[in-house]
Each structure stands twice: as C-alpha cells, then as structure tokens.
Amino acid sequence: MSRRDALTRVIDALHAEIGALKSNDVAALERATADKLLHLDAVAAAGVGPAGPELRELADEANRLNETARIYVNLMAANVRRRLQTLTGESGNAGYRSMVAAAYC
C-alpha cells in the first residue's frame, strides 16, 4: 500500500472516529480507532522519503482531524468530570460542601 493510500485511509478512519464520538457509539469508536492505528502502521511501513505537496496536504488534513477528535474527547472528559463533581458535591464550591457536611453531622 502506498503512503498516499494509507494516509487516505487514516483520514477516513478519523472521520469515522469523529462521527462515533459525536453519536456516543462506543463500538463504532473502537472500530474506527483500530482502523486508524492499522493504517498508521501502513503509513510507517510504506517508508520515509520526500513528501510531495499531495502527501503534505493529506498529512495536514489528518492532523486537523486528529486535533478535532482530541477536542471532542477533552470536552467529553470535562463534562464527565463536571457531572461527577456535581454528584459528589465537589464542584469547587467550598460553601456548598460545608453545608452538605453540616447537614449530615
């Protein structure tokens, strides 16, 4: 497989990964991530060498999509952290925690 073909498949896998993140489809996310890693290995196996404008453009697109996926993951993690903190009364509001602790004493 050529580097171009492998990079194109990485991009396709990143699109699938982002779609799975948006829809909270864990099984699709696992498949897309496995595909992405497989195709990244294919890019590495294709060797190194001078990259022409087309390869650079594909690599830049893959980087942009990967950054988008990272942002989605970070937002989801922040939402989970906020929800857990709210559930445990640890939302950064010391006054609220004191009231909760006093209520159970």
PDB file of N, CA and C in Angstrom:
ATOM      1  N   MET A   1       0.854  -1.184   0.000  1.00  0.00           N
ATOM      2  CA  MET A   1       0.000   0.000   0.000  1.00  0.00           C
ATOM      3  C   MET A   1       0.895   1.240   0.000  1.00  0.00           C
ATOM      4  N   SER A   2       0.549   2.205  -0.810  1.00  0.00           N
ATOM      5  CA  SER A   2       1.339   3.433  -0.892  1.00  0.00           C
ATOM      6  C   SER A   2       1.051   4.327   0.320  1.00  0.00           C
ATOM      7  N   ARG A   3       1.970   5.254   0.561  1.00  0.00           N
ATOM      8  CA  ARG A   3       1.751   6.203   1.665  1.00  0.00           C
ATOM      9  C   ARG A   3       0.489   7.017   1.425  1.00  0.00           C
ATOM     10  N   ARG A   4       0.234   7.380   0.178  1.00  0.00           N
ATOM     11  CA  ARG A   4      -0.964   8.160  -0.148  1.00  0.00           C
ATOM     12  C   ARG A   4      -2.223   7.386   0.209  1.00  0.00           C
ATOM     13  N   ASP A   5      -2.278   6.121  -0.198  1.00  0.00           N
ATOM     14  CA  ASP A   5      -3.451   5.293   0.103  1.00  0.00           C
ATOM     15  C   ASP A   5      -3.616   5.104   1.603  1.00  0.00           C
ATOM     16  N   ALA A   6      -2.518   4.863   2.288  1.00  0.00           N
ATOM     17  CA  ALA A   6      -2.580   4.668   3.740  1.00  0.00           C
ATOM     18  C   ALA A   6      -3.053   5.941   4.436  1.00  0.00           C
ATOM     19  N   LEU A   7      -2.538   7.100   4.011  1.00  0.00           N
ATOM     20  CA  LEU A   7      -2.974   8.367   4.609  1.00  0.00           C
ATOM     21  C   LEU A   7      -4.453   8.634   4.331  1.00  0.00           C
ATOM     22  N   THR A   8      -4.900   8.302   3.138  1.00  0.00           N
ATOM     23  CA  THR A   8      -6.312   8.471   2.811  1.00  0.00           C
ATOM     24  C   THR A   8      -7.173   7.613   3.727  1.00  0.00           C
ATOM     25  N   ARG A   9      -6.725   6.415   4.009  1.00  0.00           N
ATOM     26  CA  ARG A   9      -7.481   5.535   4.911  1.00  0.00           C
ATOM     27  C   ARG A   9      -7.426   6.015   6.351  1.00  0.00           C
ATOM     28  N   VAL A  10      -6.305   6.613   6.753  1.00  0.00           N
ATOM     29  CA  VAL A  10      -6.227   7.222   8.089  1.00  0.00           C
ATOM     30  C   VAL A  10      -7.262   8.332   8.194  1.00  0.00           C
ATOM     31  N   ILE A  11      -7.362   9.154   7.160  1.00  0.00           N
ATOM     32  CA  ILE A  11      -8.338  10.255   7.150  1.00  0.00           C
ATOM     33  C   ILE A  11      -9.760   9.712   7.227  1.00  0.00           C
ATOM     34  N   ASP A  12     -10.035   8.662   6.470  1.00  0.00           N
ATOM     35  CA  ASP A  12     -11.371   8.050   6.533  1.00  0.00           C
ATOM     36  C   ASP A  12     -11.663   7.530   7.941  1.00  0.00           C
ATOM     37  N   ALA A  13     -10.669   6.902   8.556  1.00  0.00           N
ATOM     38  CA  ALA A  13     -10.847   6.377   9.914  1.00  0.00           C
ATOM     39  C   ALA A  13     -11.059   7.514  10.913  1.00  0.00           C
ATOM     40  N   LEU A  14     -10.364   8.625  10.734  1.00  0.00           N
ATOM     41  CA  LEU A  14     -10.548   9.775  11.622  1.00  0.00           C
ATOM     42  C   LEU A  14     -11.949  10.357  11.477  1.00  0.00           C
ATOM     43  N   HIS A  15     -12.464  10.418  10.247  1.00  0.00           N
ATOM     44  CA  HIS A  15     -13.846  10.869  10.060  1.00  0.00           C
ATOM     45  C   HIS A  15     -14.811   9.940  10.790  1.00  0.00           C
ATOM     46  N   ALA A  16     -14.575   8.631  10.688  1.00  0.00           N
ATOM     47  CA  ALA A  16     -15.430   7.659  11.370  1.00  0.00           C
ATOM     48  C   ALA A  16     -15.309   7.805  12.888  1.00  0.00           C
ATOM     49  N   GLU A  17     -14.099   8.070  13.361  1.00  0.00           N
ATOM     50  CA  GLU A  17     -13.871   8.251  14.798  1.00  0.00           C
ATOM     51  C   GLU A  17     -14.636   9.468  15.313  1.00  0.00           C
ATOM     52  N   ILE A  18     -14.570  10.564  14.594  1.00  0.00           N
ATOM     53  CA  ILE A  18     -15.279  11.784  14.994  1.00  0.00           C
ATOM     54  C   ILE A  18     -16.789  11.543  14.976  1.00  0.00           C
ATOM     55  N   GLY A  19     -17.281  10.866  13.952  1.00  0.00           N
ATOM     56  CA  GLY A  19     -18.705  10.535  13.892  1.00  0.00           C
ATOM     57  C   GLY A  19     -19.138   9.686  15.070  1.00  0.00           C
ATOM     58  N   ALA A  20     -18.302   8.718  15.444  1.00  0.00           N
ATOM     59  CA  ALA A  20     -18.619   7.866  16.582  1.00  0.00           C
ATOM     60  C   ALA A  20     -18.604   8.662  17.884  1.00  0.00           C
ATOM     61  N   LEU A  21     -17.663   9.591  18.016  1.00  0.00           N
ATOM     62  CA  LEU A  21     -17.620  10.432  19.208  1.00  0.00           C
ATOM     63  C   LEU A  21     -18.870  11.302  19.304  1.00  0.00           C
ATOM     64  N   LYS A  22     -19.287  11.866  18.174  1.00  0.00           N
ATOM     65  CA  LYS A  22     -20.475  12.730  18.166  1.00  0.00           C
ATOM     66  C   LYS A  22     -21.738  11.968  18.547  1.00  0.00           C
ATOM     67  N   SER A  23     -21.809  10.699  18.131  1.00  0.00           N
ATOM     68  CA  SER A  23     -23.021   9.916  18.388  1.00  0.00           C
ATOM     69  C   SER A  23     -22.906   9.028  19.628  1.00  0.00           C
ATOM     70  N   ASN A  24     -21.778   9.122  20.323  1.00  0.00           N
ATOM     71  CA  ASN A  24     -21.535   8.299  21.526  1.00  0.00           C
ATOM     72  C   ASN A  24     -21.659   6.806  21.225  1.00  0.00           C
ATOM     73  N   ASP A  25     -21.200   6.388  20.069  1.00  0.00           N
ATOM     74  CA  ASP A  25     -21.239   4.987  19.647  1.00  0.00           C
ATOM     75  C   ASP A  25     -19.891   4.346  19.966  1.00  0.00           C
ATOM     76  N   VAL A  26     -19.825   3.670  21.105  1.00  0.00           N
ATOM     77  CA  VAL A  26     -18.569   3.107  21.592  1.00  0.00           C
ATOM     78  C   VAL A  26     -18.033   2.032  20.655  1.00  0.00           C
ATOM     79  N   ALA A  27     -18.902   1.151  20.168  1.00  0.00           N
ATOM     80  CA  ALA A  27     -18.453   0.088  19.265  1.00  0.00           C
ATOM     81  C   ALA A  27     -17.868   0.676  17.980  1.00  0.00           C
ATOM     82  N   ALA A  28     -18.518   1.683  17.426  1.00  0.00           N
ATOM     83  CA  ALA A  28     -18.002   2.330  16.215  1.00  0.00           C
ATOM     84  C   ALA A  28     -16.692   3.052  16.500  1.00  0.00           C
ATOM     85  N   LEU A  29     -16.576   3.636  17.676  1.00  0.00           N
ATOM     86  CA  LEU A  29     -15.339   4.311  18.062  1.00  0.00           C
ATOM     87  C   LEU A  29     -14.189   3.320  18.150  1.00  0.00           C
ATOM     88  N   GLU A  30     -14.447   2.162  18.745  1.00  0.00           N
ATOM     89  CA  GLU A  30     -13.404   1.131  18.845  1.00  0.00           C
ATOM     90  C   GLU A  30     -12.967   0.668  17.453  1.00  0.00           C
ATOM     91  N   ARG A  31     -13.924   0.434  16.567  1.00  0.00           N
ATOM     92  CA  ARG A  31     -13.592   0.007  15.201  1.00  0.00           C
ATOM     93  C   ARG A  31     -12.792   1.081  14.468  1.00  0.00           C
ATOM     94  N   ALA A  32     -13.247   2.325  14.560  1.00  0.00           N
ATOM     95  CA  ALA A  32     -12.571   3.415  13.856  1.00  0.00           C
ATOM     96  C   ALA A  32     -11.155   3.623  14.386  1.00  0.00           C
ATOM     97  N   THR A  33     -10.994   3.519  15.694  1.00  0.00           N
ATOM     98  CA  THR A  33      -9.665   3.692  16.279  1.00  0.00           C
ATOM     99  C   THR A  33      -8.738   2.558  15.864  1.00  0.00           C
ATOM    100  N   ALA A  34      -9.251   1.336  15.862  1.00  0.00           N
ATOM    101  CA  ALA A  34      -8.441   0.193  15.423  1.00  0.00           C
ATOM    102  C   ALA A  34      -8.043   0.365  13.952  1.00  0.00           C
ATOM    103  N   ASP A  35      -8.981   0.805  13.118  1.00  0.00           N
ATOM    104  CA  ASP A  35      -8.675   1.053  11.704  1.00  0.00           C
ATOM    105  C   ASP A  35      -7.616   2.141  11.562  1.00  0.00           C
ATOM    106  N   LYS A  36      -7.772   3.206  12.326  1.00  0.00           N
ATOM    107  CA  LYS A  36      -6.817   4.310  12.261  1.00  0.00           C
ATOM    108  C   LYS A  36      -5.416   3.822  12.602  1.00  0.00           C
ATOM    109  N   LEU A  37      -5.293   3.052  13.673  1.00  0.00           N
ATOM    110  CA  LEU A  37      -3.984   2.551  14.081  1.00  0.00           C
ATOM    111  C   LEU A  37      -3.396   1.603  13.045  1.00  0.00           C
ATOM    112  N   LEU A  38      -4.239   0.761  12.462  1.00  0.00           N
ATOM    113  CA  LEU A  38      -3.792  -0.156  11.419  1.00  0.00           C
ATOM    114  C   LEU A  38      -3.235   0.618  10.224  1.00  0.00           C
ATOM    115  N   HIS A  39      -3.938   1.644   9.817  1.00  0.00           N
ATOM    116  CA  HIS A  39      -3.499   2.419   8.659  1.00  0.00           C
ATOM    117  C   HIS A  39      -2.303   3.315   8.982  1.00  0.00           C
ATOM    118  N   LEU A  40      -2.185   3.751  10.230  1.00  0.00           N
ATOM    119  CA  LEU A  40      -0.980   4.489  10.621  1.00  0.00           C
ATOM    120  C   LEU A  40       0.239   3.583  10.536  1.00  0.00           C
ATOM    121  N   ASP A  41       0.075   2.315  10.931  1.00  0.00           N
ATOM    122  CA  ASP A  41       1.158   1.347  10.783  1.00  0.00           C
ATOM    123  C   ASP A  41       1.514   1.165   9.309  1.00  0.00           C
ATOM    124  N   ALA A  42       0.507   1.182   8.440  1.00  0.00           N
ATOM    125  CA  ALA A  42       0.750   1.056   6.998  1.00  0.00           C
ATOM    126  C   ALA A  42       1.510   2.266   6.467  1.00  0.00           C
ATOM    127  N   VAL A  43       1.194   3.457   6.994  1.00  0.00           N
ATOM    128  CA  VAL A  43       1.937   4.660   6.596  1.00  0.00           C
ATOM    129  C   VAL A  43       3.403   4.488   6.985  1.00  0.00           C
ATOM    130  N   ALA A  44       3.645   4.026   8.199  1.00  0.00           N
ATOM    131  CA  ALA A  44       5.020   3.827   8.668  1.00  0.00           C
ATOM    132  C   ALA A  44       5.733   2.753   7.850  1.00  0.00           C
ATOM    133  N   ALA A  45       5.018   1.679   7.510  1.00  0.00           N
ATOM    134  CA  ALA A  45       5.618   0.587   6.753  1.00  0.00           C
ATOM    135  C   ALA A  45       5.943   1.005   5.321  1.00  0.00           C
ATOM    136  N   ALA A  46       5.244   2.009   4.819  1.00  0.00           N
ATOM    137  CA  ALA A  46       5.490   2.473   3.453  1.00  0.00           C
ATOM    138  C   ALA A  46       6.832   3.189   3.348  1.00  0.00           C
ATOM    139  N   GLY A  47       7.455   3.446   4.480  1.00  0.00           N
ATOM    140  CA  GLY A  47       8.773   4.063   4.477  1.00  0.00           C
ATOM    141  C   GLY A  47       8.716   5.572   4.525  1.00  0.00           C
ATOM    142  N   VAL A  48       9.903   6.112   4.629  1.00  0.00           N
ATOM    143  CA  VAL A  48      10.031   7.569   4.672  1.00  0.00           C
ATOM    144  C   VAL A  48      10.696   8.026   3.389  1.00  0.00           C
ATOM    145  N   GLY A  49      10.543   9.242   3.132  1.00  0.00           N
ATOM    146  CA  GLY A  49      11.135   9.813   1.926  1.00  0.00           C
ATOM    147  C   GLY A  49      10.539  11.173   1.704  1.00  0.00           C
ATOM    148  N   PRO A  50      10.972  11.819   0.660  1.00  0.00           N
ATOM    149  CA  PRO A  50      10.430  13.146   0.389  1.00  0.00           C
ATOM    150  C   PRO A  50       8.919  13.080   0.173  1.00  0.00           C
ATOM    151  N   ALA A  51       8.244  13.992   0.783  1.00  0.00           N
ATOM    152  CA  ALA A  51       6.785  14.069   0.635  1.00  0.00           C
ATOM    153  C   ALA A  51       6.458  15.235  -0.288  1.00  0.00           C
ATOM    154  N   GLY A  52       5.737  14.941  -1.313  1.00  0.00           N
ATOM    155  CA  GLY A  52       5.323  15.988  -2.235  1.00  0.00           C
ATOM    156  C   GLY A  52       4.155  16.767  -1.659  1.00  0.00           C
ATOM    157  N   PRO A  53       3.695  17.748  -2.396  1.00  0.00           N
ATOM    158  CA  PRO A  53       2.593  18.590  -1.912  1.00  0.00           C
ATOM    159  C   PRO A  53       1.331  17.794  -1.581  1.00  0.00           C
ATOM    160  N   GLU A  54       1.021  16.764  -2.374  1.00  0.00           N
ATOM    161  CA  GLU A  54      -0.193  15.985  -2.122  1.00  0.00           C
ATOM    162  C   GLU A  54      -0.099  15.239  -0.793  1.00  0.00           C
ATOM    163  N   LEU A  55       1.050  14.621  -0.525  1.00  0.00           N
ATOM    164  CA  LEU A  55       1.218  13.909   0.749  1.00  0.00           C
ATOM    165  C   LEU A  55       1.188  14.869   1.924  1.00  0.00           C
ATOM    166  N   ARG A  56       1.799  16.023   1.765  1.00  0.00           N
ATOM    167  CA  ARG A  56       1.780  17.023   2.843  1.00  0.00           C
ATOM    168  C   ARG A  56       0.361  17.487   3.125  1.00  0.00           C
ATOM    169  N   GLU A  57      -0.408  17.677   2.066  1.00  0.00           N
ATOM    170  CA  GLU A  57      -1.799  18.099   2.232  1.00  0.00           C
ATOM    171  C   GLU A  57      -2.611  17.026   2.965  1.00  0.00           C
ATOM    172  N   LEU A  58      -2.398  15.765   2.612  1.00  0.00           N
ATOM    173  CA  LEU A  58      -3.099  14.666   3.290  1.00  0.00           C
ATOM    174  C   LEU A  58      -2.671  14.573   4.753  1.00  0.00           C
ATOM    175  N   ALA A  59      -1.386  14.727   5.011  1.00  0.00           N
ATOM    176  CA  ALA A  59      -0.893  14.674   6.390  1.00  0.00           C
ATOM    177  C   ALA A  59      -1.459  15.836   7.208  1.00  0.00           C
ATOM    178  N   ASP A  60      -1.544  17.016   6.598  1.00  0.00           N
ATOM    179  CA  ASP A  60      -2.130  18.173   7.295  1.00  0.00           C
ATOM    180  C   ASP A  60      -3.602  17.928   7.614  1.00  0.00           C
ATOM    181  N   GLU A  61      -4.332  17.347   6.662  1.00  0.00           N
ATOM    182  CA  GLU A  61      -5.739  17.031   6.900  1.00  0.00           C
ATOM    183  C   GLU A  61      -5.890  16.023   8.033  1.00  0.00           C
ATOM    184  N   ALA A  62      -5.031  15.004   8.039  1.00  0.00           N
ATOM    185  CA  ALA A  62      -5.066  14.011   9.113  1.00  0.00           C
ATOM    186  C   ALA A  62      -4.777  14.672  10.460  1.00  0.00           C
ATOM    187  N   ASN A  63      -3.821  15.577  10.486  1.00  0.00           N
ATOM    188  CA  ASN A  63      -3.510  16.289  11.731  1.00  0.00           C
ATOM    189  C   ASN A  63      -4.688  17.127  12.205  1.00  0.00           C
ATOM    190  N   ARG A  64      -5.354  17.825  11.284  1.00  0.00           N
ATOM    191  CA  ARG A  64      -6.523  18.642  11.659  1.00  0.00           C
ATOM    192  C   ARG A  64      -7.644  17.765  12.220  1.00  0.00           C
ATOM    193  N   LEU A  65      -7.897  16.649  11.560  1.00  0.00           N
ATOM    194  CA  LEU A  65      -8.955  15.748  12.031  1.00  0.00           C
ATOM    195  C   LEU A  65      -8.595  15.140  13.380  1.00  0.00           C
ATOM    196  N   ASN A  66      -7.336  14.788  13.554  1.00  0.00           N
ATOM    197  CA  ASN A  66      -6.907  14.238  14.841  1.00  0.00           C
ATOM    198  C   ASN A  66      -7.085  15.270  15.949  1.00  0.00           C
ATOM    199  N   GLU A  67      -6.779  16.518  15.649  1.00  0.00           N
ATOM    200  CA  GLU A  67      -6.970  17.595  16.627  1.00  0.00           C
ATOM    201  C   GLU A  67      -8.455  17.763  16.958  1.00  0.00           C
ATOM    202  N   THR A  68      -9.312  17.657  15.961  1.00  0.00           N
ATOM    203  CA  THR A  68     -10.757  17.743  16.188  1.00  0.00           C
ATOM    204  C   THR A  68     -11.215  16.607  17.094  1.00  0.00           C
ATOM    205  N   ALA A  69     -10.745  15.400  16.835  1.00  0.00           N
ATOM    206  CA  ALA A  69     -11.105  14.252  17.675  1.00  0.00           C
ATOM    207  C   ALA A  69     -10.614  14.467  19.106  1.00  0.00           C
ATOM    208  N   ARG A  70      -9.404  15.004  19.255  1.00  0.00           N
ATOM    209  CA  ARG A  70      -8.855  15.261  20.591  1.00  0.00           C
ATOM    210  C   ARG A  70      -9.715  16.270  21.345  1.00  0.00           C
ATOM    211  N   ILE A  71     -10.186  17.286  20.645  1.00  0.00           N
ATOM    212  CA  ILE A  71     -11.037  18.299  21.283  1.00  0.00           C
ATOM    213  C   ILE A  71     -12.342  17.666  21.762  1.00  0.00           C
ATOM    214  N   TYR A  72     -12.949  16.828  20.924  1.00  0.00           N
ATOM    215  CA  TYR A  72     -14.173  16.136  21.338  1.00  0.00           C
ATOM    216  C   TYR A  72     -13.933  15.301  22.596  1.00  0.00           C
ATOM    217  N   VAL A  73     -12.843  14.555  22.610  1.00  0.00           N
ATOM    218  CA  VAL A  73     -12.537  13.710  23.768  1.00  0.00           C
ATOM    219  C   VAL A  73     -12.343  14.574  25.013  1.00  0.00           C
ATOM    220  N   ASN A  74     -11.608  15.669  24.883  1.00  0.00           N
ATOM    221  CA  ASN A  74     -11.383  16.542  26.034  1.00  0.00           C
ATOM    222  C   ASN A  74     -12.678  17.171  26.538  1.00  0.00           C
ATOM    223  N   LEU A  75     -13.554  17.567  25.622  1.00  0.00           N
ATOM    224  CA  LEU A  75     -14.846  18.133  26.043  1.00  0.00           C
ATOM    225  C   LEU A  75     -15.688  17.092  26.771  1.00  0.00           C
ATOM    226  N   MET A  76     -15.690  15.875  26.245  1.00  0.00           N
ATOM    227  CA  MET A  76     -16.457  14.808  26.902  1.00  0.00           C
ATOM    228  C   MET A  76     -15.894  14.518  28.290  1.00  0.00           C
ATOM    229  N   ALA A  77     -14.576  14.489  28.412  1.00  0.00           N
ATOM    230  CA  ALA A  77     -13.955  14.238  29.708  1.00  0.00           C
ATOM    231  C   ALA A  77     -14.274  15.360  30.692  1.00  0.00           C
ATOM    232  N   ALA A  78     -14.267  16.595  30.220  1.00  0.00           N
ATOM    233  CA  ALA A  78     -14.592  17.729  31.096  1.00  0.00           C
ATOM    234  C   ALA A  78     -16.045  17.657  31.551  1.00  0.00           C
ATOM    235  N   ASN A  79     -16.944  17.246  30.654  1.00  0.00           N
ATOM    236  CA  ASN A  79     -18.351  17.108  31.042  1.00  0.00           C
ATOM    237  C   ASN A  79     -18.536  16.014  32.083  1.00  0.00           C
ATOM    238  N   VAL A  80     -17.853  14.905  31.912  1.00  0.00           N
ATOM    239  CA  VAL A  80     -17.944  13.817  32.890  1.00  0.00           C
ATOM    240  C   VAL A  80     -17.389  14.282  34.231  1.00  0.00           C
ATOM    241  N   ARG A  81     -16.238  14.957  34.206  1.00  0.00           N
ATOM    242  CA  ARG A  81     -15.639  15.452  35.452  1.00  0.00           C
ATOM    243  C   ARG A  81     -16.602  16.403  36.164  1.00  0.00           C
ATOM    244  N   ARG A  82     -17.218  17.325  35.393  1.00  0.00           N
ATOM    245  CA  ARG A  82     -18.159  18.279  35.989  1.00  0.00           C
ATOM    246  C   ARG A  82     -19.354  17.562  36.606  1.00  0.00           C
ATOM    247  N   ARG A  83     -19.875  16.567  35.908  1.00  0.00           N
ATOM    248  CA  ARG A  83     -21.023  15.820  36.435  1.00  0.00           C
ATOM    249  C   ARG A  83     -20.654  15.053  37.697  1.00  0.00           C
ATOM    250  N   LEU A  84     -19.490  14.443  37.691  1.00  0.00           N
ATOM    251  CA  LEU A  84     -19.056  13.704  38.884  1.00  0.00           C
ATOM    252  C   LEU A  84     -18.846  14.648  40.060  1.00  0.00           C
ATOM    253  N   GLN A  85     -18.265  15.797  39.790  1.00  0.00           N
ATOM    254  CA  GLN A  85     -18.065  16.767  40.856  1.00  0.00           C
ATOM    255  C   GLN A  85     -19.403  17.265  41.399  1.00  0.00           C
ATOM    256  N   THR A  86     -20.367  17.456  40.539  1.00  0.00           N
ATOM    257  CA  THR A  86     -21.699  17.884  40.974  1.00  0.00           C
ATOM    258  C   THR A  86     -22.346  16.802  41.826  1.00  0.00           C
ATOM    259  N   LEU A  87     -22.227  15.557  41.387  1.00  0.00           N
ATOM    260  CA  LEU A  87     -22.825  14.453  42.136  1.00  0.00           C
ATOM    261  C   LEU A  87     -22.195  14.263  43.514  1.00  0.00           C
ATOM    262  N   THR A  88     -20.907  14.556  43.621  1.00  0.00           N
ATOM    263  CA  THR A  88     -20.222  14.356  44.890  1.00  0.00           C
ATOM    264  C   THR A  88     -20.133  15.630  45.712  1.00  0.00           C
ATOM    265  N   GLY A  89     -20.691  16.728  45.188  1.00  0.00           N
ATOM    266  CA  GLY A  89     -20.654  17.985  45.930  1.00  0.00           C
ATOM    267  C   GLY A  89     -19.284  18.624  45.923  1.00  0.00           C
ATOM    268  N   GLU A  90     -18.441  18.227  44.980  1.00  0.00           N
ATOM    269  CA  GLU A  90     -17.087  18.775  44.907  1.00  0.00           C
ATOM    270  C   GLU A  90     -16.934  19.668  43.683  1.00  0.00           C
ATOM    271  N   SER A  91     -17.897  20.504  43.424  1.00  0.00           N
ATOM    272  CA  SER A  91     -17.866  21.341  42.234  1.00  0.00           C
ATOM    273  C   SER A  91     -17.005  22.580  42.412  1.00  0.00           C
ATOM    274  N   GLY A  92     -16.149  22.581  43.397  1.00  0.00           N
ATOM    275  CA  GLY A  92     -15.308  23.743  43.624  1.00  0.00           C
ATOM    276  C   GLY A  92     -15.960  24.770  44.515  1.00  0.00           C
ATOM    277  N   ASN A  93     -17.139  24.484  45.001  1.00  0.00           N
ATOM    278  CA  ASN A  93     -17.864  25.412  45.858  1.00  0.00           C
ATOM    279  C   ASN A  93     -17.728  24.933  47.305  1.00  0.00           C
ATOM    280  N   ALA A  94     -16.737  25.462  48.010  1.00  0.00           N
ATOM    281  CA  ALA A  94     -16.464  25.025  49.381  1.00  0.00           C
ATOM    282  C   ALA A  94     -17.648  25.295  50.301  1.00  0.00           C
ATOM    283  N   GLY A  95     -18.379  26.369  50.063  1.00  0.00           N
ATOM    284  CA  GLY A  95     -19.545  26.682  50.893  1.00  0.00           C
ATOM    285  C   GLY A  95     -20.602  25.608  50.772  1.00  0.00           C
ATOM    286  N   TYR A  96     -20.832  25.122  49.583  1.00  0.00           N
ATOM    287  CA  TYR A  96     -21.808  24.056  49.371  1.00  0.00           C
ATOM    288  C   TYR A  96     -21.363  22.790  50.077  1.00  0.00           C
ATOM    289  N   ARG A  97     -20.088  22.455  49.975  1.00  0.00           N
ATOM    290  CA  ARG A  97     -19.592  21.247  50.649  1.00  0.00           C
ATOM    291  C   ARG A  97     -19.766  21.361  52.155  1.00  0.00           C
ATOM    292  N   SER A  98     -19.518  22.535  52.677  1.00  0.00           N
ATOM    293  CA  SER A  98     -19.678  22.740  54.130  1.00  0.00           C
ATOM    294  C   SER A  98     -21.124  22.549  54.532  1.00  0.00           C
ATOM    295  N   MET A  99     -22.062  23.046  53.718  1.00  0.00           N
ATOM    296  CA  MET A  99     -23.478  22.889  54.033  1.00  0.00           C
ATOM    297  C   MET A  99     -23.883  21.414  53.979  1.00  0.00           C
ATOM    298  N   VAL A 100     -23.366  20.705  52.989  1.00  0.00           N
ATOM    299  CA  VAL A 100     -23.702  19.282  52.859  1.00  0.00           C
ATOM    300  C   VAL A 100     -23.129  18.522  54.037  1.00  0.00           C
ATOM    301  N   ALA A 101     -21.889  18.816  54.403  1.00  0.00           N
ATOM    302  CA  ALA A 101     -21.269  18.135  55.535  1.00  0.00           C
ATOM    303  C   ALA A 101     -22.022  18.437  56.820  1.00  0.00           C
ATOM    304  N   ALA A 102     -22.438  19.684  57.016  1.00  0.00           N
ATOM    305  CA  ALA A 102     -23.168  20.069  58.222  1.00  0.00           C
ATOM    306  C   ALA A 102     -24.523  19.375  58.261  1.00  0.00           C
ATOM    307  N   ALA A 103     -25.137  19.167  57.124  1.00  0.00           N
ATOM    308  CA  ALA A 103     -26.452  18.523  57.084  1.00  0.00           C
ATOM    309  C   ALA A 103     -26.377  17.070  57.517  1.00  0.00           C
ATOM    310  N   TYR A 104     -25.239  16.447  57.345  1.00  0.00           N
ATOM    311  CA  TYR A 104     -25.111  15.041  57.694  1.00  0.00           C
ATOM    312  C   TYR A 104     -24.425  14.818  59.034  1.00  0.00           C
ATOM    313  N   CYS A 105     -24.134  15.867  59.754  1.00  0.00           N
ATOM    314  CA  CYS A 105     -23.488  15.727  61.067  1.00  0.00           C
ATOM    315  C   CYS A 105     -24.500  15.585  62.181  1.00  0.00           C
TER     316      CYS A 105
END
